[in-house]
Amino acid sequence: MTRYLISFSDGAMDHIPDEEWADVGKASHAVVKEAVNAGVWVFGAGLERQRASVVATDGIVTDGPYPETKEVIGGFSVVDVASREEALAWAAKIAAGCRCAQEVRELMSDPEQDAMLRQADRRG
């Protein structure tokens, strides 16, 4: 299985009228429930509209993102699926529920981290 990041830009949902947000919430949660029941959901969340903080390697914190950044992430989902096609299919469902386009990116595999998580699950 491979994990995919499915995300949308901040402001991508600004076209939705206030009176329709309850319906969008229901539709979005229905997709999450479907993904959970299918065993592919890892995690997801919307991001608060705020400036990010950038923490440098020396620990210094500055306001971000960088001035040249044109778009920031408004929300994301992570799914664990067998193929890119399956990730794209889930992205289509999420796009319909959220009423905004989704970007799909494959996450790099990290077998060492996966082993650490499996070990931690056995302890908990």
PDB file of N, CA and C in Angstrom:
ATOM      1  N   MET A   1       0.852  -1.186   0.000  1.00  0.00           N
ATOM      2  CA  MET A   1       0.000   0.000   0.000  1.00  0.00           C
ATOM      3  C   MET A   1       0.894   1.244   0.000  1.00  0.00           C
ATOM      4  N   THR A   2       0.365   2.298  -0.554  1.00  0.00           N
ATOM      5  CA  THR A   2       1.093   3.552  -0.651  1.00  0.00           C
ATOM      6  C   THR A   2       0.221   4.671  -0.104  1.00  0.00           C
ATOM      7  N   ARG A   3       0.851   5.596   0.594  1.00  0.00           N
ATOM      8  CA  ARG A   3       0.114   6.727   1.143  1.00  0.00           C
ATOM      9  C   ARG A   3       0.164   7.899   0.177  1.00  0.00           C
ATOM     10  N   TYR A   4      -0.976   8.585   0.094  1.00  0.00           N
ATOM     11  CA  TYR A   4      -1.103   9.761  -0.761  1.00  0.00           C
ATOM     12  C   TYR A   4      -1.641  10.924   0.055  1.00  0.00           C
ATOM     13  N   LEU A   5      -1.090  12.097  -0.213  1.00  0.00           N
ATOM     14  CA  LEU A   5      -1.580  13.333   0.362  1.00  0.00           C
ATOM     15  C   LEU A   5      -2.557  13.938  -0.643  1.00  0.00           C
ATOM     16  N   ILE A   6      -3.770  14.161  -0.199  1.00  0.00           N
ATOM     17  CA  ILE A   6      -4.800  14.796  -1.017  1.00  0.00           C
ATOM     18  C   ILE A   6      -5.082  16.129  -0.335  1.00  0.00           C
ATOM     19  N   SER A   7      -4.855  17.236  -1.045  1.00  0.00           N
ATOM     20  CA  SER A   7      -4.960  18.536  -0.387  1.00  0.00           C
ATOM     21  C   SER A   7      -5.615  19.572  -1.284  1.00  0.00           C
ATOM     22  N   PHE A   8      -6.015  20.673  -0.642  1.00  0.00           N
ATOM     23  CA  PHE A   8      -6.573  21.804  -1.386  1.00  0.00           C
ATOM     24  C   PHE A   8      -5.991  23.087  -0.829  1.00  0.00           C
ATOM     25  N   SER A   9      -5.979  24.107  -1.660  1.00  0.00           N
ATOM     26  CA  SER A   9      -5.400  25.401  -1.297  1.00  0.00           C
ATOM     27  C   SER A   9      -6.323  26.184  -0.374  1.00  0.00           C
ATOM     28  N   ASP A  10      -5.697  26.984   0.484  1.00  0.00           N
ATOM     29  CA  ASP A  10      -6.443  27.905   1.320  1.00  0.00           C
ATOM     30  C   ASP A  10      -7.248  28.819   0.401  1.00  0.00           C
ATOM     31  N   GLY A  11      -8.489  28.993   0.697  1.00  0.00           N
ATOM     32  CA  GLY A  11      -9.347  29.839  -0.128  1.00  0.00           C
ATOM     33  C   GLY A  11     -10.126  29.070  -1.180  1.00  0.00           C
ATOM     34  N   ALA A  12      -9.812  27.786  -1.359  1.00  0.00           N
ATOM     35  CA  ALA A  12     -10.482  26.996  -2.397  1.00  0.00           C
ATOM     36  C   ALA A  12     -11.971  26.805  -2.125  1.00  0.00           C
ATOM     37  N   MET A  13     -12.370  26.977  -0.871  1.00  0.00           N
ATOM     38  CA  MET A  13     -13.775  26.794  -0.520  1.00  0.00           C
ATOM     39  C   MET A  13     -14.494  28.126  -0.273  1.00  0.00           C
ATOM     40  N   ASP A  14     -13.828  29.230  -0.590  1.00  0.00           N
ATOM     41  CA  ASP A  14     -14.413  30.553  -0.336  1.00  0.00           C
ATOM     42  C   ASP A  14     -15.676  30.815  -1.159  1.00  0.00           C
ATOM     43  N   HIS A  15     -15.868  30.065  -2.227  1.00  0.00           N
ATOM     44  CA  HIS A  15     -17.048  30.261  -3.080  1.00  0.00           C
ATOM     45  C   HIS A  15     -18.328  29.690  -2.472  1.00  0.00           C
ATOM     46  N   ILE A  16     -18.194  28.952  -1.400  1.00  0.00           N
ATOM     47  CA  ILE A  16     -19.358  28.285  -0.806  1.00  0.00           C
ATOM     48  C   ILE A  16     -20.119  29.272   0.082  1.00  0.00           C
ATOM     49  N   PRO A  17     -21.405  29.498  -0.191  1.00  0.00           N
ATOM     50  CA  PRO A  17     -22.203  30.408   0.637  1.00  0.00           C
ATOM     51  C   PRO A  17     -22.358  29.861   2.058  1.00  0.00           C
ATOM     52  N   ASP A  18     -22.447  30.759   3.019  1.00  0.00           N
ATOM     53  CA  ASP A  18     -22.558  30.372   4.425  1.00  0.00           C
ATOM     54  C   ASP A  18     -23.667  29.361   4.667  1.00  0.00           C
ATOM     55  N   GLU A  19     -24.803  29.544   4.002  1.00  0.00           N
ATOM     56  CA  GLU A  19     -25.949  28.662   4.258  1.00  0.00           C
ATOM     57  C   GLU A  19     -25.735  27.237   3.734  1.00  0.00           C
ATOM     58  N   GLU A  20     -24.685  27.016   2.954  1.00  0.00           N
ATOM     59  CA  GLU A  20     -24.420  25.678   2.416  1.00  0.00           C
ATOM     60  C   GLU A  20     -23.336  24.913   3.184  1.00  0.00           C
ATOM     61  N   TRP A  21     -22.713  25.554   4.171  1.00  0.00           N
ATOM     62  CA  TRP A  21     -21.622  24.902   4.891  1.00  0.00           C
ATOM     63  C   TRP A  21     -22.056  23.630   5.619  1.00  0.00           C
ATOM     64  N   ALA A  22     -23.255  23.601   6.155  1.00  0.00           N
ATOM     65  CA  ALA A  22     -23.730  22.391   6.844  1.00  0.00           C
ATOM     66  C   ALA A  22     -23.790  21.216   5.873  1.00  0.00           C
ATOM     67  N   ASP A  23     -24.283  21.459   4.661  1.00  0.00           N
ATOM     68  CA  ASP A  23     -24.354  20.402   3.646  1.00  0.00           C
ATOM     69  C   ASP A  23     -22.957  19.953   3.223  1.00  0.00           C
ATOM     70  N   VAL A  24     -22.041  20.898   3.091  1.00  0.00           N
ATOM     71  CA  VAL A  24     -20.658  20.553   2.734  1.00  0.00           C
ATOM     72  C   VAL A  24     -20.036  19.698   3.837  1.00  0.00           C
ATOM     73  N   GLY A  25     -20.284  20.070   5.084  1.00  0.00           N
ATOM     74  CA  GLY A  25     -19.774  19.296   6.208  1.00  0.00           C
ATOM     75  C   GLY A  25     -20.303  17.873   6.201  1.00  0.00           C
ATOM     76  N   LYS A  26     -21.592  17.718   5.965  1.00  0.00           N
ATOM     77  CA  LYS A  26     -22.192  16.379   5.909  1.00  0.00           C
ATOM     78  C   LYS A  26     -21.597  15.558   4.768  1.00  0.00           C
ATOM     79  N   ALA A  27     -21.469  16.167   3.601  1.00  0.00           N
ATOM     80  CA  ALA A  27     -20.919  15.457   2.439  1.00  0.00           C
ATOM     81  C   ALA A  27     -19.460  15.073   2.665  1.00  0.00           C
ATOM     82  N   SER A  28     -18.696  15.976   3.245  1.00  0.00           N
ATOM     83  CA  SER A  28     -17.287  15.701   3.506  1.00  0.00           C
ATOM     84  C   SER A  28     -17.126  14.587   4.533  1.00  0.00           C
ATOM     85  N   HIS A  29     -17.917  14.649   5.598  1.00  0.00           N
ATOM     86  CA  HIS A  29     -17.834  13.605   6.621  1.00  0.00           C
ATOM     87  C   HIS A  29     -18.309  12.252   6.093  1.00  0.00           C
ATOM     88  N   ALA A  30     -19.245  12.264   5.159  1.00  0.00           N
ATOM     89  CA  ALA A  30     -19.688  11.002   4.549  1.00  0.00           C
ATOM     90  C   ALA A  30     -18.543  10.347   3.777  1.00  0.00           C
ATOM     91  N   VAL A  31     -17.740  11.157   3.087  1.00  0.00           N
ATOM     92  CA  VAL A  31     -16.581  10.608   2.366  1.00  0.00           C
ATOM     93  C   VAL A  31     -15.555  10.067   3.360  1.00  0.00           C
ATOM     94  N   VAL A  32     -15.315  10.795   4.433  1.00  0.00           N
ATOM     95  CA  VAL A  32     -14.376  10.317   5.455  1.00  0.00           C
ATOM     96  C   VAL A  32     -14.858   8.983   6.017  1.00  0.00           C
ATOM     97  N   LYS A  33     -16.142   8.903   6.340  1.00  0.00           N
ATOM     98  CA  LYS A  33     -16.690   7.659   6.891  1.00  0.00           C
ATOM     99  C   LYS A  33     -16.523   6.513   5.900  1.00  0.00           C
ATOM    100  N   GLU A  34     -16.774   6.790   4.623  1.00  0.00           N
ATOM    101  CA  GLU A  34     -16.601   5.762   3.590  1.00  0.00           C
ATOM    102  C   GLU A  34     -15.141   5.303   3.524  1.00  0.00           C
ATOM    103  N   ALA A  35     -14.209   6.253   3.597  1.00  0.00           N
ATOM    104  CA  ALA A  35     -12.781   5.917   3.547  1.00  0.00           C
ATOM    105  C   ALA A  35     -12.348   5.143   4.795  1.00  0.00           C
ATOM    106  N   VAL A  36     -12.874   5.531   5.956  1.00  0.00           N
ATOM    107  CA  VAL A  36     -12.573   4.800   7.200  1.00  0.00           C
ATOM    108  C   VAL A  36     -13.087   3.367   7.078  1.00  0.00           C
ATOM    109  N   ASN A  37     -14.331   3.217   6.633  1.00  0.00           N
ATOM    110  CA  ASN A  37     -14.929   1.887   6.491  1.00  0.00           C
ATOM    111  C   ASN A  37     -14.206   1.034   5.454  1.00  0.00           C
ATOM    112  N   ALA A  38     -13.612   1.692   4.450  1.00  0.00           N
ATOM    113  CA  ALA A  38     -12.848   0.969   3.419  1.00  0.00           C
ATOM    114  C   ALA A  38     -11.436   0.632   3.902  1.00  0.00           C
ATOM    115  N   GLY A  39     -11.054   1.184   5.054  1.00  0.00           N
ATOM    116  CA  GLY A  39      -9.734   0.895   5.611  1.00  0.00           C
ATOM    117  C   GLY A  39      -8.597   1.666   4.956  1.00  0.00           C
ATOM    118  N   VAL A  40      -8.911   2.762   4.254  1.00  0.00           N
ATOM    119  CA  VAL A  40      -7.862   3.519   3.568  1.00  0.00           C
ATOM    120  C   VAL A  40      -7.556   4.865   4.233  1.00  0.00           C
ATOM    121  N   TRP A  41      -8.392   5.310   5.152  1.00  0.00           N
ATOM    122  CA  TRP A  41      -8.213   6.615   5.777  1.00  0.00           C
ATOM    123  C   TRP A  41      -7.074   6.560   6.781  1.00  0.00           C
ATOM    124  N   VAL A  42      -6.145   7.511   6.700  1.00  0.00           N
ATOM    125  CA  VAL A  42      -5.064   7.629   7.677  1.00  0.00           C
ATOM    126  C   VAL A  42      -5.328   8.823   8.582  1.00  0.00           C
ATOM    127  N   PHE A  43      -5.519  10.002   7.969  1.00  0.00           N
ATOM    128  CA  PHE A  43      -5.749  11.211   8.748  1.00  0.00           C
ATOM    129  C   PHE A  43      -6.125  12.337   7.807  1.00  0.00           C
ATOM    130  N   GLY A  44      -6.796  13.338   8.337  1.00  0.00           N
ATOM    131  CA  GLY A  44      -7.106  14.519   7.547  1.00  0.00           C
ATOM    132  C   GLY A  44      -7.573  15.637   8.446  1.00  0.00           C
ATOM    133  N   ALA A  45      -7.468  16.869   7.930  1.00  0.00           N
ATOM    134  CA  ALA A  45      -7.907  18.035   8.698  1.00  0.00           C
ATOM    135  C   ALA A  45      -7.901  19.265   7.810  1.00  0.00           C
ATOM    136  N   GLY A  46      -8.720  20.217   8.201  1.00  0.00           N
ATOM    137  CA  GLY A  46      -8.624  21.550   7.621  1.00  0.00           C
ATOM    138  C   GLY A  46      -7.621  22.331   8.450  1.00  0.00           C
ATOM    139  N   LEU A  47      -7.027  23.341   7.850  1.00  0.00           N
ATOM    140  CA  LEU A  47      -6.056  24.153   8.569  1.00  0.00           C
ATOM    141  C   LEU A  47      -6.650  25.515   8.877  1.00  0.00           C
ATOM    142  N   GLU A  48      -6.403  25.988  10.094  1.00  0.00           N
ATOM    143  CA  GLU A  48      -6.847  27.322  10.487  1.00  0.00           C
ATOM    144  C   GLU A  48      -6.183  28.354   9.586  1.00  0.00           C
ATOM    145  N   ARG A  49      -6.919  29.392   9.276  1.00  0.00           N
ATOM    146  CA  ARG A  49      -6.343  30.490   8.481  1.00  0.00           C
ATOM    147  C   ARG A  49      -5.470  31.339   9.392  1.00  0.00           C
ATOM    148  N   GLN A  50      -4.217  31.096   9.296  1.00  0.00           N
ATOM    149  CA  GLN A  50      -3.253  31.864  10.073  1.00  0.00           C
ATOM    150  C   GLN A  50      -1.898  31.746   9.403  1.00  0.00           C
ATOM    151  N   ARG A  51      -1.041  32.650   9.706  1.00  0.00           N
ATOM    152  CA  ARG A  51       0.307  32.566   9.156  1.00  0.00           C
ATOM    153  C   ARG A  51       1.024  31.416   9.833  1.00  0.00           C
ATOM    154  N   ALA A  52       1.765  30.684   9.045  1.00  0.00           N
ATOM    155  CA  ALA A  52       2.553  29.592   9.598  1.00  0.00           C
ATOM    156  C   ALA A  52       3.788  30.157  10.273  1.00  0.00           C
ATOM    157  N   SER A  53       4.354  29.398  11.186  1.00  0.00           N
ATOM    158  CA  SER A  53       5.642  29.726  11.768  1.00  0.00           C
ATOM    159  C   SER A  53       6.675  28.812  11.134  1.00  0.00           C
ATOM    160  N   VAL A  54       7.824  29.372  10.830  1.00  0.00           N
ATOM    161  CA  VAL A  54       8.909  28.595  10.257  1.00  0.00           C
ATOM    162  C   VAL A  54       9.979  28.442  11.330  1.00  0.00           C
ATOM    163  N   VAL A  55      10.337  27.199  11.654  1.00  0.00           N
ATOM    164  CA  VAL A  55      11.363  26.927  12.649  1.00  0.00           C
ATOM    165  C   VAL A  55      12.614  26.474  11.915  1.00  0.00           C
ATOM    166  N   ALA A  56      13.680  27.250  12.029  1.00  0.00           N
ATOM    167  CA  ALA A  56      14.940  26.949  11.346  1.00  0.00           C
ATOM    168  C   ALA A  56      15.696  25.842  12.067  1.00  0.00           C
ATOM    169  N   THR A  57      16.715  25.325  11.422  1.00  0.00           N
ATOM    170  CA  THR A  57      17.512  24.241  12.014  1.00  0.00           C
ATOM    171  C   THR A  57      18.182  24.665  13.313  1.00  0.00           C
ATOM    172  N   ASP A  58      18.382  25.965  13.499  1.00  0.00           N
ATOM    173  CA  ASP A  58      18.990  26.452  14.748  1.00  0.00           C
ATOM    174  C   ASP A  58      17.940  26.788  15.799  1.00  0.00           C
ATOM    175  N   GLY A  59      16.668  26.530  15.489  1.00  0.00           N
ATOM    176  CA  GLY A  59      15.588  26.758  16.437  1.00  0.00           C
ATOM    177  C   GLY A  59      14.964  28.135  16.377  1.00  0.00           C
ATOM    178  N   ILE A  60      15.485  29.028  15.552  1.00  0.00           N
ATOM    179  CA  ILE A  60      14.913  30.362  15.430  1.00  0.00           C
ATOM    180  C   ILE A  60      13.566  30.274  14.721  1.00  0.00           C
ATOM    181  N   VAL A  61      12.579  30.954  15.284  1.00  0.00           N
ATOM    182  CA  VAL A  61      11.217  30.932  14.745  1.00  0.00           C
ATOM    183  C   VAL A  61      10.939  32.263  14.047  1.00  0.00           C
ATOM    184  N   THR A  62      10.445  32.168  12.823  1.00  0.00           N
ATOM    185  CA  THR A  62      10.044  33.355  12.076  1.00  0.00           C
ATOM    186  C   THR A  62       8.643  33.130  11.523  1.00  0.00           C
ATOM    187  N   ASP A  63       7.995  34.220  11.144  1.00  0.00           N
ATOM    188  CA  ASP A  63       6.688  34.110  10.510  1.00  0.00           C
ATOM    189  C   ASP A  63       6.863  33.590   9.103  1.00  0.00           C
ATOM    190  N   GLY A  64       5.940  32.800   8.634  1.00  0.00           N
ATOM    191  CA  GLY A  64       5.982  32.271   7.289  1.00  0.00           C
ATOM    192  C   GLY A  64       4.600  32.327   6.709  1.00  0.00           C
ATOM    193  N   PRO A  65       4.320  31.729   5.605  1.00  0.00           N
ATOM    194  CA  PRO A  65       5.350  31.152   4.749  1.00  0.00           C
ATOM    195  C   PRO A  65       6.179  32.247   4.097  1.00  0.00           C
ATOM    196  N   TYR A  66       7.118  31.831   3.332  1.00  0.00           N
ATOM    197  CA  TYR A  66       8.013  32.781   2.698  1.00  0.00           C
ATOM    198  C   TYR A  66       7.238  33.715   1.775  1.00  0.00           C
ATOM    199  N   PRO A  67       7.696  34.968   1.621  1.00  0.00           N
ATOM    200  CA  PRO A  67       6.947  35.945   0.804  1.00  0.00           C
ATOM    201  C   PRO A  67       6.653  35.481  -0.618  1.00  0.00           C
ATOM    202  N   GLU A  68       7.529  34.665  -1.205  1.00  0.00           N
ATOM    203  CA  GLU A  68       7.303  34.223  -2.583  1.00  0.00           C
ATOM    204  C   GLU A  68       6.251  33.115  -2.692  1.00  0.00           C
ATOM    205  N   THR A  69       5.772  32.615  -1.559  1.00  0.00           N
ATOM    206  CA  THR A  69       4.753  31.572  -1.571  1.00  0.00           C
ATOM    207  C   THR A  69       3.439  32.154  -2.078  1.00  0.00           C
ATOM    208  N   LYS A  70       2.898  31.535  -3.110  1.00  0.00           N
ATOM    209  CA  LYS A  70       1.665  32.036  -3.695  1.00  0.00           C
ATOM    210  C   LYS A  70       0.436  31.345  -3.103  1.00  0.00           C
ATOM    211  N   GLU A  71       0.569  30.080  -2.737  1.00  0.00           N
ATOM    212  CA  GLU A  71      -0.561  29.343  -2.182  1.00  0.00           C
ATOM    213  C   GLU A  71      -0.104  28.571  -0.951  1.00  0.00           C
ATOM    214  N   VAL A  72      -1.016  28.411  -0.018  1.00  0.00           N
ATOM    215  CA  VAL A  72      -0.758  27.575   1.147  1.00  0.00           C
ATOM    216  C   VAL A  72      -1.861  26.538   1.237  1.00  0.00           C
ATOM    217  N   ILE A  73      -1.609  25.474   1.943  1.00  0.00           N
ATOM    218  CA  ILE A  73      -2.587  24.392   2.079  1.00  0.00           C
ATOM    219  C   ILE A  73      -3.722  24.833   3.000  1.00  0.00           C
ATOM    220  N   GLY A  74      -4.947  24.565   2.566  1.00  0.00           N
ATOM    221  CA  GLY A  74      -6.128  24.883   3.363  1.00  0.00           C
ATOM    222  C   GLY A  74      -6.663  23.674   4.108  1.00  0.00           C
ATOM    223  N   GLY A  75      -6.344  22.483   3.618  1.00  0.00           N
ATOM    224  CA  GLY A  75      -6.784  21.248   4.251  1.00  0.00           C
ATOM    225  C   GLY A  75      -6.186  20.074   3.522  1.00  0.00           C
ATOM    226  N   PHE A  76      -6.218  18.917   4.182  1.00  0.00           N
ATOM    227  CA  PHE A  76      -5.596  17.740   3.589  1.00  0.00           C
ATOM    228  C   PHE A  76      -6.209  16.459   4.120  1.00  0.00           C
ATOM    229  N   SER A  77      -5.988  15.403   3.365  1.00  0.00           N
ATOM    230  CA  SER A  77      -6.342  14.043   3.761  1.00  0.00           C
ATOM    231  C   SER A  77      -5.161  13.161   3.382  1.00  0.00           C
ATOM    232  N   VAL A  78      -4.953  12.113   4.148  1.00  0.00           N
ATOM    233  CA  VAL A  78      -3.952  11.114   3.802  1.00  0.00           C
ATOM    234  C   VAL A  78      -4.679   9.777   3.699  1.00  0.00           C
ATOM    235  N   VAL A  79      -4.523   9.123   2.556  1.00  0.00           N
ATOM    236  CA  VAL A  79      -5.114   7.807   2.347  1.00  0.00           C
ATOM    237  C   VAL A  79      -4.000   6.809   2.048  1.00  0.00           C
ATOM    238  N   ASP A  80      -4.232   5.574   2.385  1.00  0.00           N
ATOM    239  CA  ASP A  80      -3.277   4.487   2.157  1.00  0.00           C
ATOM    240  C   ASP A  80      -3.959   3.497   1.223  1.00  0.00           C
ATOM    241  N   VAL A  81      -3.547   3.521  -0.053  1.00  0.00           N
ATOM    242  CA  VAL A  81      -4.241   2.752  -1.083  1.00  0.00           C
ATOM    243  C   VAL A  81      -3.243   1.986  -1.950  1.00  0.00           C
ATOM    244  N   ALA A  82      -3.761   1.115  -2.785  1.00  0.00           N
ATOM    245  CA  ALA A  82      -2.921   0.230  -3.601  1.00  0.00           C
ATOM    246  C   ALA A  82      -2.331   0.908  -4.834  1.00  0.00           C
ATOM    247  N   SER A  83      -2.957   1.996  -5.309  1.00  0.00           N
ATOM    248  CA  SER A  83      -2.478   2.579  -6.564  1.00  0.00           C
ATOM    249  C   SER A  83      -2.801   4.069  -6.636  1.00  0.00           C
ATOM    250  N   ARG A  84      -2.114   4.744  -7.542  1.00  0.00           N
ATOM    251  CA  ARG A  84      -2.391   6.162  -7.785  1.00  0.00           C
ATOM    252  C   ARG A  84      -3.824   6.340  -8.292  1.00  0.00           C
ATOM    253  N   GLU A  85      -4.279   5.412  -9.114  1.00  0.00           N
ATOM    254  CA  GLU A  85      -5.645   5.490  -9.633  1.00  0.00           C
ATOM    255  C   GLU A  85      -6.660   5.475  -8.490  1.00  0.00           C
ATOM    256  N   GLU A  86      -6.413   4.639  -7.488  1.00  0.00           N
ATOM    257  CA  GLU A  86      -7.316   4.581  -6.343  1.00  0.00           C
ATOM    258  C   GLU A  86      -7.252   5.890  -5.551  1.00  0.00           C
ATOM    259  N   ALA A  87      -6.056   6.459  -5.411  1.00  0.00           N
ATOM    260  CA  ALA A  87      -5.917   7.758  -4.732  1.00  0.00           C
ATOM    261  C   ALA A  87      -6.685   8.835  -5.490  1.00  0.00           C
ATOM    262  N   LEU A  88      -6.597   8.812  -6.812  1.00  0.00           N
ATOM    263  CA  LEU A  88      -7.322   9.786  -7.627  1.00  0.00           C
ATOM    264  C   LEU A  88      -8.832   9.611  -7.478  1.00  0.00           C
ATOM    265  N   ALA A  89      -9.279   8.377  -7.353  1.00  0.00           N
ATOM    266  CA  ALA A  89     -10.712   8.122  -7.159  1.00  0.00           C
ATOM    267  C   ALA A  89     -11.183   8.694  -5.816  1.00  0.00           C
ATOM    268  N   TRP A  90     -10.374   8.513  -4.760  1.00  0.00           N
ATOM    269  CA  TRP A  90     -10.727   9.086  -3.464  1.00  0.00           C
ATOM    270  C   TRP A  90     -10.683  10.611  -3.528  1.00  0.00           C
ATOM    271  N   ALA A  91      -9.703  11.156  -4.240  1.00  0.00           N
ATOM    272  CA  ALA A  91      -9.615  12.610  -4.388  1.00  0.00           C
ATOM    273  C   ALA A  91     -10.861  13.154  -5.078  1.00  0.00           C
ATOM    274  N   ALA A  92     -11.386  12.425  -6.040  1.00  0.00           N
ATOM    275  CA  ALA A  92     -12.611  12.853  -6.731  1.00  0.00           C
ATOM    276  C   ALA A  92     -13.789  12.889  -5.758  1.00  0.00           C
ATOM    277  N   LYS A  93     -13.868  11.894  -4.880  1.00  0.00           N
ATOM    278  CA  LYS A  93     -14.944  11.879  -3.888  1.00  0.00           C
ATOM    279  C   LYS A  93     -14.792  13.029  -2.902  1.00  0.00           C
ATOM    280  N   ILE A  94     -13.557  13.271  -2.485  1.00  0.00           N
ATOM    281  CA  ILE A  94     -13.295  14.377  -1.554  1.00  0.00           C
ATOM    282  C   ILE A  94     -13.612  15.707  -2.225  1.00  0.00           C
ATOM    283  N   ALA A  95     -13.219  15.855  -3.480  1.00  0.00           N
ATOM    284  CA  ALA A  95     -13.496  17.087  -4.225  1.00  0.00           C
ATOM    285  C   ALA A  95     -14.997  17.351  -4.309  1.00  0.00           C
ATOM    286  N   ALA A  96     -15.767  16.308  -4.564  1.00  0.00           N
ATOM    287  CA  ALA A  96     -17.221  16.467  -4.643  1.00  0.00           C
ATOM    288  C   ALA A  96     -17.784  16.878  -3.284  1.00  0.00           C
ATOM    289  N   GLY A  97     -17.309  16.242  -2.223  1.00  0.00           N
ATOM    290  CA  GLY A  97     -17.803  16.574  -0.882  1.00  0.00           C
ATOM    291  C   GLY A  97     -17.415  17.977  -0.447  1.00  0.00           C
ATOM    292  N   CYS A  98     -16.177  18.360  -0.716  1.00  0.00           N
ATOM    293  CA  CYS A  98     -15.673  19.678  -0.305  1.00  0.00           C
ATOM    294  C   CYS A  98     -16.015  20.790  -1.287  1.00  0.00           C
ATOM    295  N   ARG A  99     -16.476  20.377  -2.469  1.00  0.00           N
ATOM    296  CA  ARG A  99     -16.797  21.326  -3.539  1.00  0.00           C
ATOM    297  C   ARG A  99     -15.587  22.152  -3.979  1.00  0.00           C
ATOM    298  N   CYS A 100     -14.420  21.499  -3.986  1.00  0.00           N
ATOM    299  CA  CYS A 100     -13.223  22.187  -4.490  1.00  0.00           C
ATOM    300  C   CYS A 100     -12.224  21.146  -4.999  1.00  0.00           C
ATOM    301  N   ALA A 101     -11.414  21.574  -5.950  1.00  0.00           N
ATOM    302  CA  ALA A 101     -10.413  20.693  -6.555  1.00  0.00           C
ATOM    303  C   ALA A 101      -9.401  20.224  -5.508  1.00  0.00           C
ATOM    304  N   GLN A 102      -8.856  19.048  -5.744  1.00  0.00           N
ATOM    305  CA  GLN A 102      -7.885  18.444  -4.836  1.00  0.00           C
ATOM    306  C   GLN A 102      -6.586  18.146  -5.579  1.00  0.00           C
ATOM    307  N   GLU A 103      -5.481  18.314  -4.895  1.00  0.00           N
ATOM    308  CA  GLU A 103      -4.167  17.978  -5.442  1.00  0.00           C
ATOM    309  C   GLU A 103      -3.750  16.644  -4.824  1.00  0.00           C
ATOM    310  N   VAL A 104      -3.172  15.769  -5.634  1.00  0.00           N
ATOM    311  CA  VAL A 104      -2.797  14.439  -5.162  1.00  0.00           C
ATOM    312  C   VAL A 104      -1.292  14.266  -5.324  1.00  0.00           C
ATOM    313  N   ARG A 105      -0.632  13.876  -4.237  1.00  0.00           N
ATOM    314  CA  ARG A 105       0.812  13.618  -4.257  1.00  0.00           C
ATOM    315  C   ARG A 105       1.113  12.339  -3.487  1.00  0.00           C
ATOM    316  N   GLU A 106       1.973  11.528  -4.068  1.00  0.00           N
ATOM    317  CA  GLU A 106       2.411  10.306  -3.395  1.00  0.00           C
ATOM    318  C   GLU A 106       3.414  10.675  -2.302  1.00  0.00           C
ATOM    319  N   LEU A 107       3.214  10.103  -1.126  1.00  0.00           N
ATOM    320  CA  LEU A 107       4.155  10.316  -0.028  1.00  0.00           C
ATOM    321  C   LEU A 107       5.296   9.306  -0.135  1.00  0.00           C
ATOM    322  N   MET A 108       6.483   9.745   0.206  1.00  0.00           N
ATOM    323  CA  MET A 108       7.639   8.857   0.151  1.00  0.00           C
ATOM    324  C   MET A 108       7.495   7.763   1.206  1.00  0.00           C
ATOM    325  N   SER A 109       7.905   6.586   0.855  1.00  0.00           N
ATOM    326  CA  SER A 109       7.879   5.448   1.770  1.00  0.00           C
ATOM    327  C   SER A 109       9.037   5.574   2.765  1.00  0.00           C
ATOM    328  N   ASP A 110       8.785   5.190   3.997  1.00  0.00           N
ATOM    329  CA  ASP A 110       9.824   5.187   5.026  1.00  0.00           C
ATOM    330  C   ASP A 110       9.667   3.927   5.876  1.00  0.00           C
ATOM    331  N   PRO A 111      10.246   2.806   5.413  1.00  0.00           N
ATOM    332  CA  PRO A 111      10.095   1.541   6.132  1.00  0.00           C
ATOM    333  C   PRO A 111      10.575   1.609   7.584  1.00  0.00           C
ATOM    334  N   GLU A 112      11.604   2.390   7.853  1.00  0.00           N
ATOM    335  CA  GLU A 112      12.103   2.496   9.227  1.00  0.00           C
ATOM    336  C   GLU A 112      11.063   3.149  10.133  1.00  0.00           C
ATOM    337  N   GLN A 113      10.433   4.219   9.637  1.00  0.00           N
ATOM    338  CA  GLN A 113       9.376   4.873  10.417  1.00  0.00           C
ATOM    339  C   GLN A 113       8.184   3.937  10.599  1.00  0.00           C
ATOM    340  N   ASP A 114       7.822   3.208   9.560  1.00  0.00           N
ATOM    341  CA  ASP A 114       6.720   2.251   9.662  1.00  0.00           C
ATOM    342  C   ASP A 114       7.010   1.210  10.744  1.00  0.00           C
ATOM    343  N   ALA A 115       8.252   0.740  10.806  1.00  0.00           N
ATOM    344  CA  ALA A 115       8.639  -0.241  11.823  1.00  0.00           C
ATOM    345  C   ALA A 115       8.534   0.363  13.223  1.00  0.00           C
ATOM    346  N   MET A 116       8.936   1.630  13.368  1.00  0.00           N
ATOM    347  CA  MET A 116       8.818   2.306  14.667  1.00  0.00           C
ATOM    348  C   MET A 116       7.363   2.396  15.103  1.00  0.00           C
ATOM    349  N   LEU A 117       6.477   2.735  14.154  1.00  0.00           N
ATOM    350  CA  LEU A 117       5.061   2.857  14.483  1.00  0.00           C
ATOM    351  C   LEU A 117       4.460   1.510  14.856  1.00  0.00           C
ATOM    352  N   ARG A 118       4.833   0.462  14.133  1.00  0.00           N
ATOM    353  CA  ARG A 118       4.332  -0.879  14.473  1.00  0.00           C
ATOM    354  C   ARG A 118       4.793  -1.264  15.877  1.00  0.00           C
ATOM    355  N   GLN A 119       6.034  -0.969  16.210  1.00  0.00           N
ATOM    356  CA  GLN A 119       6.571  -1.279  17.537  1.00  0.00           C
ATOM    357  C   GLN A 119       5.804  -0.499  18.607  1.00  0.00           C
ATOM    358  N   ALA A 120       5.536   0.777  18.355  1.00  0.00           N
ATOM    359  CA  ALA A 120       4.798   1.600  19.306  1.00  0.00           C
ATOM    360  C   ALA A 120       3.371   1.081  19.480  1.00  0.00           C
ATOM    361  N   ASP A 121       2.745   0.601  18.399  1.00  0.00           N
ATOM    362  CA  ASP A 121       1.392   0.053  18.505  1.00  0.00           C
ATOM    363  C   ASP A 121       1.363  -1.181  19.373  1.00  0.00           C
ATOM    364  N   ARG A 122       2.390  -1.996  19.320  1.00  0.00           N
ATOM    365  CA  ARG A 122       2.436  -3.207  20.147  1.00  0.00           C
ATOM    366  C   ARG A 122       2.557  -2.882  21.624  1.00  0.00           C
ATOM    367  N   ARG A 123       3.189  -1.751  21.942  1.00  0.00           N
ATOM    368  CA  ARG A 123       3.349  -1.343  23.341  1.00  0.00           C
ATOM    369  C   ARG A 123       2.072  -0.748  23.906  1.00  0.00           C
ATOM    370  N   GLY A 124       1.273  -0.109  23.020  1.00  0.00           N
ATOM    371  CA  GLY A 124       0.082   0.614  23.485  1.00  0.00           C
ATOM    372  C   GLY A 124      -1.058  -0.272  23.563  1.00  0.00           C
TER     373      GLY A 124
END
